């Protein structure tokens, strides 16, 4: 089915594309697009199965969301885009942050703040249950050593606030 047919079936409502995303994410329907299946052209959709998969409960509280966004400096942890500014990879829209899981819920991750991070909508849509490996201690130390003295001092200040008792 293509976008024109969907628009007609929906009664020409202007928000039909948003409704498809809702059906995919919140209702659990497996609606495939060109991002999922290379044989499809942009604007073409396939309903993989009429039976929806159970959707995950959205249990992240407003308080946890606010904590994670504040902890991450209202910045995408993948590309560095800042909330409200024009997106660096999609200059047609402003950056909107979402809460993403480090280890996805489908892979056993939890809604604990330690498993959550701020991601822009571009990075979160593209992640598709991919979990980035955490850098090793060696790689982190190499990056810190390569940084300027001012950045190293700022990092030290941040570490002191994060671990005040140590």
Protein backbone atom coordinates (compact mmCIF):
# COMPACT_ATOMS: atom_id res chain seq x y z
CA UNK A 1 0.00 0.00 0.00
CA UNK A 2 1.37 3.42 -0.78
CA UNK A 3 0.96 6.78 0.94
CA UNK A 4 -1.79 7.90 -1.48
CA UNK A 5 -3.92 4.82 -0.70
CA UNK A 6 -3.39 5.27 3.04
CA UNK A 7 -4.41 8.91 2.85
CA UNK A 8 -7.64 7.94 1.04
CA UNK A 9 -8.42 5.09 3.45
CA UNK A 10 -7.87 7.39 6.42
CA UNK A 11 -10.48 9.83 5.10
CA UNK A 12 -7.79 12.32 4.04
CA UNK A 13 -6.88 13.18 7.61
CA UNK A 14 -3.71 15.24 7.69
CA UNK A 15 -2.11 13.22 10.49
CA UNK A 16 -2.22 9.78 8.80
CA UNK A 17 1.60 9.35 8.90
CA UNK A 18 1.69 10.05 12.64
CA UNK A 19 -1.11 7.53 13.17
CA UNK A 20 0.91 4.87 11.34
CA UNK A 21 3.85 5.51 13.69
CA UNK A 22 1.48 5.22 16.66
CA UNK A 23 0.10 1.93 15.37
CA UNK A 24 3.65 0.63 15.02
CA UNK A 25 5.01 1.73 18.38
CA UNK A 26 2.06 1.84 20.73
CA UNK A 27 -0.35 -0.71 19.30
CA UNK A 28 2.38 -3.15 18.23
CA UNK A 29 1.44 -3.60 14.57
CA UNK A 30 4.31 -4.69 12.33
CA UNK A 31 4.02 -2.09 9.58
CA UNK A 32 7.15 -2.21 7.42
CA UNK A 33 8.58 0.79 5.54
CA UNK A 34 11.57 1.31 3.25
CA UNK A 35 13.71 1.57 6.41
CA UNK A 36 12.76 -2.01 7.30
CA UNK A 37 12.61 -3.61 3.86
CA UNK A 38 14.86 -2.44 1.02
CA UNK A 39 12.38 -3.61 -1.64
CA UNK A 40 9.94 -0.89 -0.55
CA UNK A 41 10.14 2.63 -1.90
CA UNK A 42 9.75 5.64 0.40
CA UNK A 43 6.04 6.09 1.08
CA UNK A 44 5.21 2.38 0.65
CA UNK A 45 4.03 0.27 3.58
CA UNK A 46 3.37 -3.41 4.24
CA UNK A 47 1.38 -4.77 7.15
CA UNK A 48 3.54 -7.78 8.02
CA UNK A 49 0.95 -9.45 10.24
CA UNK A 50 -2.63 -8.49 11.13
CA UNK A 51 -1.94 -9.63 14.69
CA UNK A 52 -0.19 -6.95 16.77
CA UNK A 53 2.79 -7.82 18.92
CA UNK A 54 2.48 -6.86 22.57
CA UNK A 55 3.68 -3.31 22.98
CA UNK A 56 5.93 -2.40 25.87
CA UNK A 57 4.45 -0.40 28.70
CA UNK A 58 5.58 3.19 28.75
CA UNK A 59 6.57 3.41 32.37
CA UNK A 60 9.14 6.21 32.42
CA UNK A 61 7.84 8.80 34.84
CA UNK A 62 8.03 12.55 34.24
CA UNK A 63 10.49 12.80 37.12
CA UNK A 64 12.82 10.15 35.67
CA UNK A 65 12.59 11.76 32.23
CA UNK A 66 13.48 15.17 33.68
CA UNK A 67 16.38 13.64 35.66
CA UNK A 68 17.84 11.91 32.58
CA UNK A 69 17.51 15.01 30.38
CA UNK A 70 19.15 17.18 33.06
CA UNK A 71 21.91 14.61 33.70
CA UNK A 72 22.66 14.48 29.96
CA UNK A 73 22.66 18.27 29.65
CA UNK A 74 19.65 18.33 27.31
CA UNK A 75 21.98 16.97 24.62
CA UNK A 76 21.72 13.91 22.40
CA UNK A 77 24.19 11.37 23.72
CA UNK A 78 24.83 9.98 20.27
CA UNK A 79 25.30 12.97 17.94
CA UNK A 80 25.59 15.89 20.39
CA UNK A 81 22.57 17.83 19.10
CA UNK A 82 21.14 20.27 21.66
CA UNK A 83 17.41 20.43 22.37
CA UNK A 84 15.65 23.29 20.61
CA UNK A 85 18.48 24.11 18.20
CA UNK A 86 18.42 23.22 14.51
CA UNK A 87 19.45 19.59 14.10
CA UNK A 88 23.00 19.27 12.71
CA UNK A 89 22.08 16.40 10.34
CA UNK A 90 18.56 17.53 9.43
CA UNK A 91 18.54 21.31 9.12
CA UNK A 92 14.82 21.33 8.31
CA UNK A 93 13.78 20.78 11.93
CA UNK A 94 14.72 21.63 15.48
CA UNK A 95 16.19 18.97 17.73
CA UNK A 96 13.61 17.12 19.83
CA UNK A 97 14.98 14.89 22.56
CA UNK A 98 13.54 11.52 23.51
CA UNK A 99 14.51 9.06 26.20
CA UNK A 100 16.24 5.98 24.82
CA UNK A 101 17.42 2.80 26.48
CA UNK A 102 21.10 1.82 26.58
CA UNK A 103 20.03 -1.82 26.69
CA UNK A 104 16.66 -1.98 24.94
CA UNK A 105 13.63 -3.35 26.77
CA UNK A 106 13.26 -6.04 24.10
CA UNK A 107 16.72 -7.27 25.15
CA UNK A 108 15.98 -7.22 28.87
CA UNK A 109 16.81 -3.59 29.69
CA UNK A 110 15.02 -1.69 32.44
CA UNK A 111 13.58 1.79 32.90
CA UNK A 112 16.16 2.62 35.58
CA UNK A 113 17.89 5.98 35.03
CA UNK A 114 21.25 4.19 34.68
CA UNK A 115 19.86 2.43 31.57
CA UNK A 116 18.36 5.58 30.03
CA UNK A 117 19.90 8.34 27.94
CA UNK A 118 18.79 11.40 26.03
CA UNK A 119 18.64 10.87 22.26
CA UNK A 120 17.40 13.16 19.53
CA UNK A 121 14.55 11.86 17.42
CA UNK A 122 16.88 11.30 14.44
CA UNK A 123 19.29 9.07 16.41
CA UNK A 124 16.55 7.30 18.37
CA UNK A 125 14.62 6.38 15.20
CA UNK A 126 17.79 5.09 13.59
CA UNK A 127 19.01 3.03 16.55
CA UNK A 128 16.53 0.14 16.03
CA UNK A 129 17.53 -1.77 19.16
CA UNK A 130 21.25 -1.30 18.57
CA UNK A 131 23.26 -0.91 21.74
CA UNK A 132 26.51 0.99 21.55
CA UNK A 133 29.41 -0.62 23.35
CA UNK A 134 30.78 1.40 26.22
CA UNK A 135 34.32 2.58 25.62
CA UNK A 136 37.05 0.72 27.50
CA UNK A 137 39.00 2.41 30.28
CA UNK A 138 42.03 2.53 27.99
CA UNK A 139 40.11 4.35 25.24
CA UNK A 140 38.67 6.83 27.75
CA UNK A 141 42.12 7.58 29.17
CA UNK A 142 43.52 8.11 25.68
CA UNK A 143 40.74 10.60 24.91
CA UNK A 144 41.28 12.45 28.20
CA UNK A 145 45.03 12.64 27.60
CA UNK A 146 44.43 14.05 24.10
CA UNK A 147 42.06 16.74 25.41
CA UNK A 148 43.20 20.27 26.20
CA UNK A 149 44.17 21.19 29.76
CA UNK A 150 41.02 23.30 30.07
CA UNK A 151 38.82 20.35 29.03
CA UNK A 152 40.69 18.04 31.41
CA UNK A 153 40.10 20.50 34.28
CA UNK A 154 36.40 20.73 33.37
CA UNK A 155 36.20 16.92 33.33
CA UNK A 156 37.86 16.78 36.75
CA UNK A 157 35.33 19.29 38.11
CA UNK A 158 32.47 17.23 36.70
CA UNK A 159 33.89 14.01 38.20
CA UNK A 160 34.21 15.72 41.60
CA UNK A 161 30.52 16.68 41.52
CA UNK A 162 29.51 13.21 40.36
CA UNK A 163 31.54 11.43 43.05
CA UNK A 164 31.72 13.90 45.98
CA UNK A 165 32.58 11.29 48.66
CA UNK A 166 35.50 9.73 46.81
